[in-house]
Amino acid sequence: MQETIVNKVAESGIITLNLETYYPHGEIVVYDLKDHLFRGLILKEKDFRAALLATDWNLYYDKNVAVTCTADAVIPVWAYMLVASYLQPVSKEIVFGNSETLITSLLQKNINALDVSSFTDKRVVIKGCGDIKIPESAYLTITAKLRPYAKSIMYGEPCSTVPIFKKK
C-alpha cells in the first residue's frame, strides 16, 4: 500500500512575499556635480548654469536618477535644486544620493504603495534569499506595514522560517 505524500507547506495557508517583486525596474543613472566644479573644488554659478543649459537632458529620459557630488566640496543647496528643475520633466524619479540610495528609495516607495489589506489574518513569510540583494530597510518597512494586518510574520522560506511576529 502506497502512502500519499502530503505537501504540508502548500496546505498551511502561508503566503510568501518576495521583496524582489518590488525591486525598482528601469535604468539607474548617477548625475555627479563634481564634473562641474572649478579645479575640483568650487561651483561657479555662471559656469554651472551654462553647463546645465548645454546638457542634453534627453539622456535622462524615463530613467531613475541619483544626484550627488562625489568630490570633497561644499555644494550650495540651490545647485541640487537647479539640477532637479532640469531633470524633473524628463526623468522617472530623482533622489539625492548614490545609486544605492536611489534603489532603496524606490524600493521603499514600491513597498509603501502595496495594499496590505489582503494579508489580513494571514500567515506571511517574507522571502529571505534571492537573486537580488534587498536592503535591510525594506525588511523593516514591510514588517511595520504588515504587522497591523497579518496573523503572523515570518522570515525565510515556508519550509524553514524564523518567527518575527504572531498576533495574540
N, C-alpha and C. Protein backbone atom coordinates (compact mmCIF):
# COMPACT_ATOMS: atom_id res chain seq x y z
N MET A 1 0.84 -1.17 0.00
CA MET A 1 0.00 0.00 0.00
C MET A 1 0.90 1.25 0.00
N GLN A 2 0.61 2.18 -0.93
CA GLN A 2 1.40 3.41 -1.01
C GLN A 2 0.79 4.49 -0.14
N GLU A 3 1.68 5.23 0.50
CA GLU A 3 1.22 6.36 1.28
C GLU A 3 1.15 7.59 0.38
N THR A 4 0.17 8.41 0.62
CA THR A 4 0.04 9.65 -0.14
C THR A 4 0.97 10.69 0.45
N ILE A 5 1.73 11.32 -0.43
CA ILE A 5 2.63 12.38 0.03
C ILE A 5 1.82 13.67 0.15
N VAL A 6 1.91 14.28 1.31
CA VAL A 6 1.16 15.49 1.59
C VAL A 6 2.13 16.67 1.65
N ASN A 7 1.83 17.69 0.89
CA ASN A 7 2.64 18.91 0.92
C ASN A 7 2.07 19.82 2.02
N LYS A 8 2.67 19.71 3.20
CA LYS A 8 2.17 20.46 4.34
C LYS A 8 2.35 21.97 4.17
N VAL A 9 3.40 22.36 3.47
CA VAL A 9 3.63 23.78 3.23
C VAL A 9 2.49 24.36 2.39
N ALA A 10 2.10 23.64 1.34
CA ALA A 10 1.02 24.11 0.47
C ALA A 10 -0.31 24.17 1.21
N GLU A 11 -0.52 23.26 2.14
CA GLU A 11 -1.77 23.21 2.88
C GLU A 11 -1.80 24.17 4.07
N SER A 12 -0.69 24.75 4.41
CA SER A 12 -0.60 25.59 5.61
C SER A 12 -1.26 26.96 5.46
N GLY A 13 -1.51 27.38 4.23
CA GLY A 13 -2.11 28.69 4.01
C GLY A 13 -1.13 29.83 4.14
N ILE A 14 0.14 29.49 4.17
CA ILE A 14 1.18 30.52 4.28
C ILE A 14 1.32 31.25 2.95
N ILE A 15 1.40 32.57 3.03
CA ILE A 15 1.62 33.39 1.84
C ILE A 15 3.09 33.83 1.85
N THR A 16 3.77 33.58 0.74
CA THR A 16 5.16 34.02 0.63
C THR A 16 5.20 35.36 -0.08
N LEU A 17 5.86 36.32 0.54
CA LEU A 17 6.02 37.65 -0.03
C LEU A 17 7.47 37.83 -0.40
N ASN A 18 7.73 37.98 -1.70
CA ASN A 18 9.09 38.13 -2.20
C ASN A 18 9.34 39.60 -2.49
N LEU A 19 10.23 40.22 -1.73
CA LEU A 19 10.51 41.65 -1.91
C LEU A 19 11.17 41.96 -3.25
N GLU A 20 11.73 40.95 -3.93
CA GLU A 20 12.30 41.17 -5.25
C GLU A 20 11.24 41.66 -6.23
N THR A 21 9.98 41.31 -5.96
CA THR A 21 8.87 41.74 -6.80
C THR A 21 8.76 43.27 -6.81
N TYR A 22 9.17 43.90 -5.71
CA TYR A 22 9.01 45.36 -5.56
C TYR A 22 10.31 46.11 -5.85
N TYR A 23 11.33 45.36 -6.26
CA TYR A 23 12.62 45.97 -6.59
C TYR A 23 12.41 46.88 -7.81
N PRO A 24 13.02 48.06 -7.81
CA PRO A 24 12.80 49.00 -8.91
C PRO A 24 13.28 48.49 -10.26
N HIS A 25 12.49 48.81 -11.27
CA HIS A 25 12.83 48.49 -12.65
C HIS A 25 13.22 49.78 -13.35
N GLY A 26 13.90 49.67 -14.41
CA GLY A 26 14.32 50.85 -15.15
C GLY A 26 15.77 51.16 -14.88
N GLU A 27 16.33 51.96 -15.74
CA GLU A 27 17.75 52.27 -15.65
C GLU A 27 18.04 53.22 -14.50
N ILE A 28 19.13 52.94 -13.81
CA ILE A 28 19.61 53.78 -12.71
C ILE A 28 20.80 54.57 -13.22
N VAL A 29 20.77 55.89 -13.05
CA VAL A 29 21.84 56.77 -13.53
C VAL A 29 22.24 57.70 -12.39
N VAL A 30 23.53 57.99 -12.29
CA VAL A 30 24.02 58.93 -11.29
C VAL A 30 24.45 60.21 -12.00
N TYR A 31 23.93 61.33 -11.53
CA TYR A 31 24.35 62.64 -12.04
C TYR A 31 25.26 63.24 -10.98
N ASP A 32 26.54 63.39 -11.32
CA ASP A 32 27.56 63.82 -10.37
C ASP A 32 27.96 65.27 -10.63
N LEU A 33 27.76 66.12 -9.64
CA LEU A 33 28.11 67.53 -9.78
C LEU A 33 29.61 67.79 -9.81
N LYS A 34 30.40 66.81 -9.46
CA LYS A 34 31.86 67.02 -9.45
C LYS A 34 32.39 67.41 -10.82
N ASP A 35 31.69 67.01 -11.87
CA ASP A 35 32.11 67.34 -13.22
C ASP A 35 31.96 68.82 -13.54
N HIS A 36 31.25 69.55 -12.68
CA HIS A 36 31.02 70.97 -12.91
C HIS A 36 31.81 71.87 -11.96
N LEU A 37 32.74 71.31 -11.22
CA LEU A 37 33.50 72.10 -10.25
C LEU A 37 34.74 72.72 -10.89
N PHE A 38 35.00 73.94 -10.54
CA PHE A 38 36.20 74.63 -10.97
C PHE A 38 37.36 74.13 -10.11
N ARG A 39 38.36 73.56 -10.79
CA ARG A 39 39.53 72.96 -10.12
C ARG A 39 39.13 71.90 -9.09
N GLY A 40 38.01 71.28 -9.32
CA GLY A 40 37.55 70.21 -8.45
C GLY A 40 37.12 70.64 -7.07
N LEU A 41 36.97 71.97 -6.86
CA LEU A 41 36.68 72.47 -5.52
C LEU A 41 35.49 73.40 -5.42
N ILE A 42 35.28 74.21 -6.45
CA ILE A 42 34.34 75.31 -6.33
C ILE A 42 33.29 75.24 -7.44
N LEU A 43 32.06 75.51 -7.06
CA LEU A 43 30.99 75.58 -8.04
C LEU A 43 30.76 77.06 -8.36
N LYS A 44 31.04 77.43 -9.60
CA LYS A 44 30.81 78.81 -10.05
C LYS A 44 29.43 78.87 -10.69
N GLU A 45 28.58 79.72 -10.15
CA GLU A 45 27.18 79.75 -10.59
C GLU A 45 27.04 80.00 -12.09
N LYS A 46 27.71 80.97 -12.61
CA LYS A 46 27.55 81.31 -14.04
C LYS A 46 27.97 80.12 -14.92
N ASP A 47 29.13 79.53 -14.63
CA ASP A 47 29.62 78.38 -15.40
C ASP A 47 28.69 77.17 -15.24
N PHE A 48 28.20 76.99 -14.04
CA PHE A 48 27.32 75.86 -13.75
C PHE A 48 26.01 75.98 -14.54
N ARG A 49 25.43 77.16 -14.50
CA ARG A 49 24.19 77.39 -15.25
C ARG A 49 24.40 77.17 -16.75
N ALA A 50 25.52 77.63 -17.26
CA ALA A 50 25.83 77.46 -18.69
C ALA A 50 25.99 75.98 -19.03
N ALA A 51 26.64 75.23 -18.15
CA ALA A 51 26.83 73.80 -18.37
C ALA A 51 25.49 73.06 -18.36
N LEU A 52 24.61 73.44 -17.46
CA LEU A 52 23.29 72.80 -17.40
C LEU A 52 22.47 73.11 -18.65
N LEU A 53 22.57 74.33 -19.13
CA LEU A 53 21.87 74.70 -20.36
C LEU A 53 22.38 73.89 -21.55
N ALA A 54 23.67 73.58 -21.55
CA ALA A 54 24.28 72.85 -22.66
C ALA A 54 24.09 71.34 -22.56
N THR A 55 23.59 70.87 -21.43
CA THR A 55 23.41 69.43 -21.22
C THR A 55 22.23 68.90 -22.03
N ASP A 56 22.42 67.72 -22.62
CA ASP A 56 21.32 67.04 -23.31
C ASP A 56 20.53 66.25 -22.28
N TRP A 57 19.49 66.84 -21.77
CA TRP A 57 18.70 66.23 -20.70
C TRP A 57 17.90 65.03 -21.18
N ASN A 58 17.76 64.87 -22.48
CA ASN A 58 17.06 63.70 -23.02
C ASN A 58 17.81 62.41 -22.73
N LEU A 59 19.09 62.52 -22.37
CA LEU A 59 19.86 61.33 -21.98
C LEU A 59 19.28 60.71 -20.70
N TYR A 60 18.51 61.49 -19.95
CA TYR A 60 17.94 61.03 -18.68
C TYR A 60 16.46 60.69 -18.82
N TYR A 61 15.99 60.66 -20.07
CA TYR A 61 14.57 60.42 -20.30
C TYR A 61 14.14 59.06 -19.74
N ASP A 62 13.11 59.09 -18.90
CA ASP A 62 12.49 57.90 -18.33
C ASP A 62 13.47 57.05 -17.50
N LYS A 63 14.48 57.69 -16.92
CA LYS A 63 15.45 56.98 -16.09
C LYS A 63 15.31 57.42 -14.64
N ASN A 64 15.76 56.58 -13.74
CA ASN A 64 15.83 56.90 -12.33
C ASN A 64 17.19 57.52 -12.08
N VAL A 65 17.20 58.73 -11.51
CA VAL A 65 18.45 59.48 -11.40
C VAL A 65 18.78 59.80 -9.94
N ALA A 66 20.02 59.44 -9.56
CA ALA A 66 20.56 59.83 -8.26
C ALA A 66 21.46 61.03 -8.51
N VAL A 67 21.25 62.09 -7.75
CA VAL A 67 22.06 63.31 -7.89
C VAL A 67 22.97 63.41 -6.68
N THR A 68 24.26 63.59 -6.95
CA THR A 68 25.24 63.62 -5.87
C THR A 68 26.43 64.48 -6.27
N CYS A 69 27.36 64.64 -5.35
CA CYS A 69 28.67 65.22 -5.65
C CYS A 69 29.69 64.35 -4.93
N THR A 70 30.49 63.63 -5.70
CA THR A 70 31.46 62.71 -5.11
C THR A 70 32.77 63.40 -4.75
N ALA A 71 32.92 64.68 -5.12
CA ALA A 71 34.13 65.43 -4.74
C ALA A 71 33.94 65.99 -3.34
N ASP A 72 35.05 66.20 -2.67
CA ASP A 72 35.00 66.79 -1.33
C ASP A 72 34.92 68.31 -1.49
N ALA A 73 33.71 68.78 -1.76
CA ALA A 73 33.48 70.20 -1.99
C ALA A 73 32.17 70.61 -1.33
N VAL A 74 32.07 71.88 -1.00
CA VAL A 74 30.83 72.41 -0.45
C VAL A 74 29.96 72.84 -1.62
N ILE A 75 28.83 72.20 -1.74
CA ILE A 75 27.89 72.48 -2.83
C ILE A 75 26.69 73.22 -2.25
N PRO A 76 26.38 74.40 -2.80
CA PRO A 76 25.20 75.11 -2.28
C PRO A 76 23.91 74.33 -2.61
N VAL A 77 22.95 74.42 -1.75
CA VAL A 77 21.70 73.68 -1.90
C VAL A 77 21.01 74.04 -3.22
N TRP A 78 21.07 75.28 -3.63
CA TRP A 78 20.39 75.70 -4.85
C TRP A 78 20.91 74.93 -6.07
N ALA A 79 22.15 74.46 -6.03
CA ALA A 79 22.71 73.72 -7.17
C ALA A 79 21.94 72.42 -7.39
N TYR A 80 21.63 71.72 -6.29
CA TYR A 80 20.85 70.48 -6.40
C TYR A 80 19.43 70.79 -6.90
N MET A 81 18.89 71.89 -6.41
CA MET A 81 17.55 72.31 -6.83
C MET A 81 17.53 72.61 -8.33
N LEU A 82 18.58 73.27 -8.80
CA LEU A 82 18.67 73.62 -10.22
C LEU A 82 18.73 72.35 -11.09
N VAL A 83 19.54 71.39 -10.66
CA VAL A 83 19.63 70.12 -11.40
C VAL A 83 18.26 69.43 -11.42
N ALA A 84 17.58 69.43 -10.29
CA ALA A 84 16.26 68.81 -10.21
C ALA A 84 15.27 69.49 -11.16
N SER A 85 15.39 70.81 -11.31
CA SER A 85 14.47 71.52 -12.20
C SER A 85 14.66 71.11 -13.65
N TYR A 86 15.86 70.69 -14.02
CA TYR A 86 16.11 70.19 -15.38
C TYR A 86 15.72 68.72 -15.52
N LEU A 87 15.95 67.93 -14.48
CA LEU A 87 15.67 66.50 -14.55
C LEU A 87 14.18 66.16 -14.44
N GLN A 88 13.44 66.93 -13.68
CA GLN A 88 12.04 66.59 -13.40
C GLN A 88 11.20 66.35 -14.66
N PRO A 89 11.31 67.18 -15.69
CA PRO A 89 10.44 66.93 -16.85
C PRO A 89 10.78 65.67 -17.65
N VAL A 90 11.99 65.14 -17.50
CA VAL A 90 12.39 64.01 -18.34
C VAL A 90 12.59 62.70 -17.59
N SER A 91 12.99 62.78 -16.34
CA SER A 91 13.33 61.54 -15.62
C SER A 91 12.11 60.94 -14.93
N LYS A 92 12.26 59.65 -14.60
CA LYS A 92 11.20 58.94 -13.88
C LYS A 92 11.19 59.37 -12.42
N GLU A 93 12.33 59.24 -11.77
CA GLU A 93 12.49 59.59 -10.36
C GLU A 93 13.82 60.31 -10.16
N ILE A 94 13.86 61.19 -9.17
CA ILE A 94 15.09 61.89 -8.81
C ILE A 94 15.27 61.76 -7.30
N VAL A 95 16.48 61.38 -6.90
CA VAL A 95 16.79 61.23 -5.48
C VAL A 95 18.17 61.79 -5.22
N PHE A 96 18.35 62.43 -4.08
CA PHE A 96 19.67 62.88 -3.68
C PHE A 96 20.43 61.69 -3.10
N GLY A 97 21.62 61.44 -3.59
CA GLY A 97 22.44 60.35 -3.07
C GLY A 97 23.04 59.54 -4.20
N ASN A 98 23.54 58.35 -3.85
CA ASN A 98 24.16 57.47 -4.84
C ASN A 98 23.15 56.46 -5.36
N SER A 99 23.62 55.53 -6.18
CA SER A 99 22.69 54.55 -6.78
C SER A 99 22.04 53.67 -5.72
N GLU A 100 22.76 53.33 -4.65
CA GLU A 100 22.17 52.52 -3.58
C GLU A 100 21.04 53.28 -2.88
N THR A 101 21.25 54.56 -2.65
CA THR A 101 20.22 55.40 -2.04
C THR A 101 18.98 55.43 -2.93
N LEU A 102 19.20 55.56 -4.22
CA LEU A 102 18.10 55.61 -5.17
C LEU A 102 17.32 54.29 -5.17
N ILE A 103 18.02 53.18 -5.22
CA ILE A 103 17.37 51.87 -5.20
C ILE A 103 16.56 51.69 -3.92
N THR A 104 17.15 52.04 -2.79
CA THR A 104 16.46 51.93 -1.51
C THR A 104 15.21 52.79 -1.49
N SER A 105 15.32 54.01 -1.97
CA SER A 105 14.18 54.92 -2.01
C SER A 105 13.05 54.39 -2.89
N LEU A 106 13.40 53.89 -4.06
CA LEU A 106 12.38 53.36 -4.97
C LEU A 106 11.74 52.10 -4.42
N LEU A 107 12.54 51.25 -3.79
CA LEU A 107 12.01 50.04 -3.18
C LEU A 107 11.04 50.39 -2.05
N GLN A 108 11.42 51.36 -1.23
CA GLN A 108 10.54 51.81 -0.13
C GLN A 108 9.22 52.35 -0.70
N LYS A 109 9.33 53.12 -1.77
CA LYS A 109 8.14 53.69 -2.40
C LYS A 109 7.22 52.57 -2.91
N ASN A 110 7.80 51.56 -3.53
CA ASN A 110 7.01 50.44 -4.04
C ASN A 110 6.35 49.64 -2.92
N ILE A 111 7.08 49.44 -1.83
CA ILE A 111 6.51 48.70 -0.69
C ILE A 111 5.40 49.52 -0.04
N ASN A 112 5.62 50.82 0.11
CA ASN A 112 4.60 51.67 0.72
C ASN A 112 3.32 51.74 -0.11
N ALA A 113 3.43 51.51 -1.41
CA ALA A 113 2.25 51.52 -2.28
C ALA A 113 1.46 50.20 -2.22
N LEU A 114 2.04 49.19 -1.59
CA LEU A 114 1.41 47.88 -1.50
C LEU A 114 0.16 47.93 -0.63
N ASP A 115 -0.95 47.39 -1.14
CA ASP A 115 -2.19 47.28 -0.37
C ASP A 115 -2.09 46.02 0.48
N VAL A 116 -1.85 46.20 1.76
CA VAL A 116 -1.63 45.04 2.64
C VAL A 116 -2.92 44.50 3.26
N SER A 117 -4.05 45.09 2.93
CA SER A 117 -5.30 44.60 3.50
C SER A 117 -5.59 43.15 3.09
N SER A 118 -5.04 42.73 1.96
CA SER A 118 -5.23 41.34 1.52
C SER A 118 -4.48 40.34 2.41
N PHE A 119 -3.61 40.84 3.28
CA PHE A 119 -2.86 39.98 4.20
C PHE A 119 -3.52 39.90 5.57
N THR A 120 -4.72 40.45 5.70
CA THR A 120 -5.43 40.44 6.97
C THR A 120 -5.64 39.01 7.46
N ASP A 121 -5.17 38.76 8.69
CA ASP A 121 -5.28 37.46 9.35
C ASP A 121 -4.64 36.31 8.57
N LYS A 122 -3.63 36.61 7.81
CA LYS A 122 -2.90 35.59 7.05
C LYS A 122 -1.53 35.36 7.69
N ARG A 123 -0.99 34.19 7.41
CA ARG A 123 0.37 33.85 7.83
C ARG A 123 1.29 34.20 6.67
N VAL A 124 2.23 35.13 6.91
CA VAL A 124 3.06 35.65 5.83
C VAL A 124 4.52 35.35 6.09
N VAL A 125 5.19 34.82 5.06
CA VAL A 125 6.63 34.61 5.10
C VAL A 125 7.26 35.63 4.16
N ILE A 126 8.17 36.41 4.70
CA ILE A 126 8.94 37.34 3.88
C ILE A 126 10.14 36.54 3.39
N LYS A 127 10.19 36.33 2.07
CA LYS A 127 11.27 35.52 1.48
C LYS A 127 12.62 36.14 1.80
N GLY A 128 13.53 35.30 2.23
CA GLY A 128 14.83 35.78 2.69
C GLY A 128 15.94 35.73 1.67
N CYS A 129 15.99 34.72 0.89
CA CYS A 129 17.10 34.56 -0.06
C CYS A 129 16.58 34.76 -1.48
N GLY A 130 17.44 35.31 -2.30
CA GLY A 130 17.03 35.51 -3.68
C GLY A 130 18.21 35.90 -4.54
N ASP A 131 17.89 36.30 -5.74
CA ASP A 131 18.92 36.67 -6.70
C ASP A 131 19.36 38.13 -6.57
N ILE A 132 18.53 38.95 -5.94
CA ILE A 132 18.81 40.38 -5.82
C ILE A 132 19.04 40.71 -4.35
N LYS A 133 20.05 41.51 -4.09
CA LYS A 133 20.32 41.97 -2.71
C LYS A 133 19.26 43.02 -2.34
N ILE A 134 18.47 42.69 -1.36
CA ILE A 134 17.43 43.59 -0.88
C ILE A 134 17.96 44.32 0.35
N PRO A 135 17.89 45.66 0.37
CA PRO A 135 18.38 46.41 1.54
C PRO A 135 17.59 46.05 2.81
N GLU A 136 18.27 46.06 3.92
CA GLU A 136 17.65 45.72 5.21
C GLU A 136 16.45 46.61 5.50
N SER A 137 16.52 47.87 5.07
CA SER A 137 15.43 48.81 5.33
C SER A 137 14.11 48.32 4.74
N ALA A 138 14.16 47.58 3.65
CA ALA A 138 12.94 47.06 3.03
C ALA A 138 12.26 46.03 3.94
N TYR A 139 13.06 45.22 4.62
CA TYR A 139 12.50 44.23 5.55
C TYR A 139 11.86 44.92 6.74
N LEU A 140 12.48 45.99 7.19
CA LEU A 140 11.93 46.79 8.29
C LEU A 140 10.59 47.40 7.87
N THR A 141 10.56 47.98 6.68
CA THR A 141 9.35 48.64 6.18
C THR A 141 8.20 47.65 6.00
N ILE A 142 8.47 46.51 5.38
CA ILE A 142 7.38 45.56 5.12
C ILE A 142 6.86 44.96 6.43
N THR A 143 7.74 44.75 7.40
CA THR A 143 7.29 44.22 8.69
C THR A 143 6.38 45.22 9.39
N ALA A 144 6.78 46.48 9.42
CA ALA A 144 5.96 47.52 10.06
C ALA A 144 4.63 47.69 9.34
N LYS A 145 4.63 47.54 8.03
CA LYS A 145 3.41 47.70 7.24
C LYS A 145 2.45 46.52 7.42
N LEU A 146 3.01 45.31 7.52
CA LEU A 146 2.18 44.11 7.65
C LEU A 146 1.66 43.85 9.06
N ARG A 147 2.41 44.27 10.07
CA ARG A 147 2.11 43.91 11.45
C ARG A 147 0.67 44.17 11.88
N PRO A 148 0.08 45.31 11.55
CA PRO A 148 -1.32 45.52 11.97
C PRO A 148 -2.33 44.58 11.29
N TYR A 149 -1.95 43.91 10.23
CA TYR A 149 -2.88 43.10 9.45
C TYR A 149 -2.64 41.60 9.58
N ALA A 150 -1.40 41.18 9.49
CA ALA A 150 -1.08 39.75 9.41
C ALA A 150 -1.32 39.03 10.73
N LYS A 151 -1.70 37.76 10.59
CA LYS A 151 -1.84 36.88 11.76
C LYS A 151 -0.45 36.56 12.32
N SER A 152 0.48 36.30 11.38
CA SER A 152 1.86 36.08 11.78
C SER A 152 2.78 36.49 10.63
N ILE A 153 3.99 36.88 11.02
CA ILE A 153 5.01 37.26 10.05
C ILE A 153 6.24 36.42 10.36
N MET A 154 6.79 35.84 9.29
CA MET A 154 7.99 35.01 9.42
C MET A 154 9.00 35.45 8.36
N TYR A 155 10.22 35.06 8.58
CA TYR A 155 11.30 35.37 7.63
C TYR A 155 11.91 34.06 7.15
N GLY A 156 12.23 33.98 5.88
CA GLY A 156 12.92 32.79 5.35
C GLY A 156 12.16 32.16 4.20
N GLU A 157 12.02 30.85 4.27
CA GLU A 157 11.28 30.06 3.28
C GLU A 157 10.19 29.32 4.04
N PRO A 158 9.06 29.00 3.38
CA PRO A 158 7.97 28.32 4.09
C PRO A 158 8.38 27.04 4.81
N CYS A 159 9.41 26.35 4.32
CA CYS A 159 9.84 25.11 4.95
C CYS A 159 10.82 25.36 6.11
N SER A 160 11.31 26.57 6.23
CA SER A 160 12.28 26.89 7.28
C SER A 160 12.21 28.38 7.58
N THR A 161 11.45 28.74 8.59
CA THR A 161 11.23 30.14 8.88
C THR A 161 11.73 30.56 10.25
N VAL A 162 11.95 31.87 10.37
CA VAL A 162 12.25 32.48 11.67
C VAL A 162 11.01 33.29 12.04
N PRO A 163 10.38 32.97 13.18
CA PRO A 163 9.20 33.73 13.56
C PRO A 163 9.56 35.17 13.93
N ILE A 164 8.78 36.11 13.44
CA ILE A 164 9.02 37.53 13.71
C ILE A 164 7.90 38.10 14.57
N PHE A 165 6.67 37.79 14.21
CA PHE A 165 5.52 38.35 14.91
C PHE A 165 4.36 37.35 14.86
N LYS A 166 3.61 37.29 15.96
CA LYS A 166 2.40 36.47 15.99
C LYS A 166 1.35 37.21 16.78
N LYS A 167 0.16 37.37 16.15
CA LYS A 167 -0.96 38.03 16.82
C LYS A 167 -1.45 37.18 17.97
N LYS A 168 -1.73 37.82 19.06
CA LYS A 168 -2.21 37.08 20.24
C LYS A 168 -3.69 37.11 20.36
